[in-house]
Protein backbone atom coordinates (compact mmCIF):
# COMPACT_ATOMS: atom_id res chain seq x y z
CA UNK A 1 147.57 52.23 -2.68
CA UNK A 2 146.98 54.29 -5.77
CA UNK A 3 149.54 55.42 -8.26
CA UNK A 4 148.77 59.00 -7.33
CA UNK A 5 149.62 58.51 -3.64
CA UNK A 6 152.84 56.67 -4.59
CA UNK A 7 153.94 59.67 -6.65
CA UNK A 8 153.04 61.98 -3.81
CA UNK A 9 155.09 59.92 -1.35
CA UNK A 10 158.01 59.81 -3.79
CA UNK A 11 157.90 63.59 -4.19
CA UNK A 12 157.76 64.13 -0.43
CA UNK A 13 160.64 61.68 0.16
CA UNK A 14 162.70 63.38 -2.56
CA UNK A 15 161.98 66.81 -1.06
CA UNK A 16 162.99 65.63 2.42
CA UNK A 17 166.17 64.08 0.99
CA UNK A 18 167.12 67.29 -0.84
CA UNK A 19 166.32 69.38 2.25
CA UNK A 20 168.51 67.10 4.39
CA UNK A 21 171.33 67.49 1.86
CA UNK A 22 171.01 71.29 1.92
CA UNK A 23 171.00 71.36 5.75
CA UNK A 24 174.02 69.05 5.82
CA UNK A 25 175.94 71.23 3.35
CA UNK A 26 175.11 74.39 5.31
CA UNK A 27 176.18 72.74 8.57
CA UNK A 28 179.50 71.71 7.00
CA UNK A 29 179.98 75.30 5.75
CA UNK A 30 179.30 76.76 9.21
CA UNK A 31 181.65 74.25 10.85
CA UNK A 32 184.40 75.14 8.35
CA UNK A 33 183.95 78.83 9.14
CA UNK A 34 184.15 78.09 12.88
CA UNK A 35 187.32 76.03 12.47
CA UNK A 36 188.76 78.71 10.19
CA UNK A 37 188.15 81.34 12.87
CA UNK A 38 189.80 79.11 15.49
CA UNK A 39 193.08 78.92 13.55
CA UNK A 40 193.16 82.46 12.12
CA UNK A 41 196.65 84.02 12.27
CA UNK A 42 196.97 87.81 12.15
CA UNK A 43 200.51 89.08 11.57
CA UNK A 44 201.59 92.56 12.57
CA UNK A 45 204.84 94.25 11.56
CA UNK A 46 206.44 96.80 13.82
CA UNK A 47 209.55 98.55 14.99
CA UNK A 48 210.45 100.07 18.31
CA UNK A 49 213.02 102.22 20.05
CA UNK A 50 212.10 101.04 23.55
CA UNK A 51 213.94 99.51 25.40
CA UNK A 52 216.28 99.55 22.38
CA UNK A 53 216.01 99.73 18.61
CA UNK A 54 214.49 96.69 16.88
CA UNK A 55 212.22 95.48 14.09
CA UNK A 56 209.86 92.57 14.61
CA UNK A 57 206.78 90.60 13.65
CA UNK A 58 203.93 89.61 15.99
CA UNK A 59 201.20 87.01 15.54
CA UNK A 60 198.13 88.58 17.14
CA UNK A 61 195.82 85.81 15.89
CA UNK A 62 194.58 82.61 17.51
CA UNK A 63 196.32 80.19 15.16
CA UNK A 64 199.87 79.67 13.94
CA UNK A 65 201.12 81.64 10.92
CA UNK A 66 203.13 79.69 8.36
CA UNK A 67 205.29 82.36 6.70
CA UNK A 68 205.81 81.46 3.05
CA UNK A 69 207.36 84.51 1.40
CA UNK A 70 208.92 87.74 2.69
CA UNK A 71 209.98 90.91 0.88
CA UNK A 72 211.67 93.66 2.92
CA UNK A 73 211.84 97.13 1.41
CA UNK A 74 213.37 100.50 2.20
CA UNK A 75 211.31 103.30 0.64
CA UNK A 76 209.67 100.72 -1.62
CA UNK A 77 212.94 99.19 -2.93
CA UNK A 78 213.33 95.48 -2.17
CA UNK A 79 216.44 94.53 -0.19
CA UNK A 80 218.00 91.05 -0.21
CA UNK A 81 219.13 90.96 3.45
CA UNK A 82 219.48 92.98 6.67
CA UNK A 83 223.04 94.10 5.84
CA UNK A 84 221.68 95.83 2.73
CA UNK A 85 218.86 97.38 4.78
CA UNK A 86 221.37 98.70 7.35
CA UNK A 87 223.63 100.21 4.69
CA UNK A 88 220.69 101.90 3.01
CA UNK A 89 219.47 103.39 6.31
CA UNK A 90 222.81 104.23 7.91
CA UNK A 91 225.25 104.60 5.02
CA UNK A 92 228.17 102.42 3.98
CA UNK A 93 230.31 100.74 6.59
CA UNK A 94 230.14 98.13 9.29
CA UNK A 95 226.84 98.05 11.15
CA UNK A 96 226.70 95.21 13.71
CA UNK A 97 223.33 93.59 14.31
CA UNK A 98 221.65 90.36 15.34
CA UNK A 99 218.91 88.81 13.28
CA UNK A 100 216.37 86.02 13.32
CA UNK A 101 215.27 84.29 10.15
CA UNK A 102 211.76 85.31 9.16
CA UNK A 103 211.46 83.39 5.91
CA UNK A 104 209.79 79.94 6.20
CA UNK A 105 209.00 80.60 9.85
CA UNK A 106 206.09 79.19 11.84
CA UNK A 107 204.94 81.88 14.26
CA UNK A 108 202.74 80.63 17.12
CA UNK A 109 199.77 82.66 18.40
CA UNK A 110 200.89 85.57 20.59
CA UNK A 111 204.52 84.96 19.57
CA UNK A 112 206.86 87.77 18.57
CA UNK A 113 210.04 87.37 16.59
CA UNK A 114 212.58 90.17 16.70
CA UNK A 115 213.76 90.19 13.08
CA UNK A 116 216.71 92.55 13.56
CA UNK A 117 218.37 94.40 16.42
CA UNK A 118 221.17 96.83 15.55
CA UNK A 119 224.15 96.92 17.92
CA UNK A 120 226.86 99.39 18.82
CA UNK A 121 230.56 98.58 18.38
CA UNK A 122 230.65 97.01 21.86
CA UNK A 123 227.94 94.54 20.83
CA UNK A 124 225.19 96.11 22.93
CA UNK A 125 221.72 96.77 21.48
CA UNK A 126 221.61 100.21 19.91
CA UNK A 127 219.69 103.05 21.56
CA UNK A 128 218.48 106.22 19.83
CA UNK A 129 221.45 108.47 20.71
CA UNK A 130 222.29 112.03 19.63
CA UNK A 131 221.58 113.39 16.12
CA UNK A 132 223.85 111.86 13.49
CA UNK A 133 224.70 108.83 15.66
CA UNK A 134 224.08 105.31 14.37
CA UNK A 135 221.15 105.02 16.78
CA UNK A 136 219.55 108.24 15.55
CA UNK A 137 220.06 107.17 11.92
CA UNK A 138 218.44 103.78 12.48
CA UNK A 139 215.62 105.29 14.56
CA UNK A 140 214.72 107.66 11.72
CA UNK A 141 215.31 105.00 9.07
CA UNK A 142 213.16 102.29 10.67
CA UNK A 143 210.07 104.23 9.61
CA UNK A 144 211.14 103.69 5.97
CA UNK A 145 211.29 99.88 6.33
CA UNK A 146 208.39 98.05 4.75
CA UNK A 147 207.44 94.40 4.34
CA UNK A 148 205.29 92.17 2.20
CA UNK A 149 204.74 88.95 4.12
CA UNK A 150 202.66 86.15 2.68
CA UNK A 151 201.49 83.71 5.34
CA UNK A 152 198.99 80.89 5.64
CA UNK A 153 196.90 79.22 8.33
CA UNK A 154 197.09 75.51 9.04
CA UNK A 155 193.98 75.11 6.84
CA UNK A 156 195.81 76.58 3.83
CA UNK A 157 194.03 79.96 3.81
CA UNK A 158 196.62 82.64 2.94
CA UNK A 159 197.02 86.39 3.39
CA UNK A 160 199.45 89.08 2.27
CA UNK A 161 200.51 91.59 4.91
CA UNK A 162 201.80 94.84 3.42
CA UNK A 163 203.22 97.23 5.99
CA UNK A 164 205.39 100.32 5.97
CA UNK A 165 206.57 102.38 8.89
CA UNK A 166 204.21 102.57 11.81
CA UNK A 167 200.48 101.89 11.52
CA UNK A 168 200.33 101.63 7.72
CA UNK A 169 199.26 97.99 7.29
CA UNK A 170 196.89 96.08 5.06
CA UNK A 171 196.03 92.38 5.03
CA UNK A 172 194.56 90.87 1.89
CA UNK A 173 193.38 87.30 1.48
CA UNK A 174 195.21 85.61 -1.42
CA UNK A 175 194.68 82.25 -3.12
CA UNK A 176 198.30 81.24 -2.52
CA UNK A 177 201.63 82.81 -1.71
CA UNK A 178 203.95 83.83 -4.54
CA UNK A 179 207.00 81.72 -5.31
CA UNK A 180 210.42 82.99 -4.29
CA UNK A 181 211.89 85.55 -6.70
CA UNK A 182 214.77 88.02 -6.86
CA UNK A 183 212.70 90.26 -4.55
CA UNK A 184 212.43 87.58 -1.84
CA UNK A 185 214.27 88.40 1.37
CA UNK A 186 217.03 85.87 2.05
CA UNK A 187 217.06 85.90 5.84
């Protein structure tokens, strides 16, 4: 065997090795994208007046959403808790409601969490009601509630949901969720 053929064989073997490495890397990339798609959470913020007044969060994705940070706003101003939100929307006074924690929550695919449901003085869920009533005030005010929810997939990919009112939502991929601050919602 000549030196020339040995070099040729070495070059071919090196080329095949590099090609195999490239194919392997591409296959790993495609598999990662497939797995990422299989665990993709998609959060949606919403409010409703049917069958009664409420505000909630849905996971419309195929994977669980690990909620890391939540900011709730009324007309762009961050509120620390639901009591503050209720007073801003309905004025000072006692406004009964039930709530579910939304901070540090794991929301399964196709799961909905009702974040807050206002109640009447008898403890029943609030309905719209006549103009000027607590139900009418909350119904009008719920369109002024906004959220910034940072959530991650089980693979550590994270997104920021920014929503206000009805239908005004954006989701942006972020490197990581922000740390808690004075703007962070406490419930």
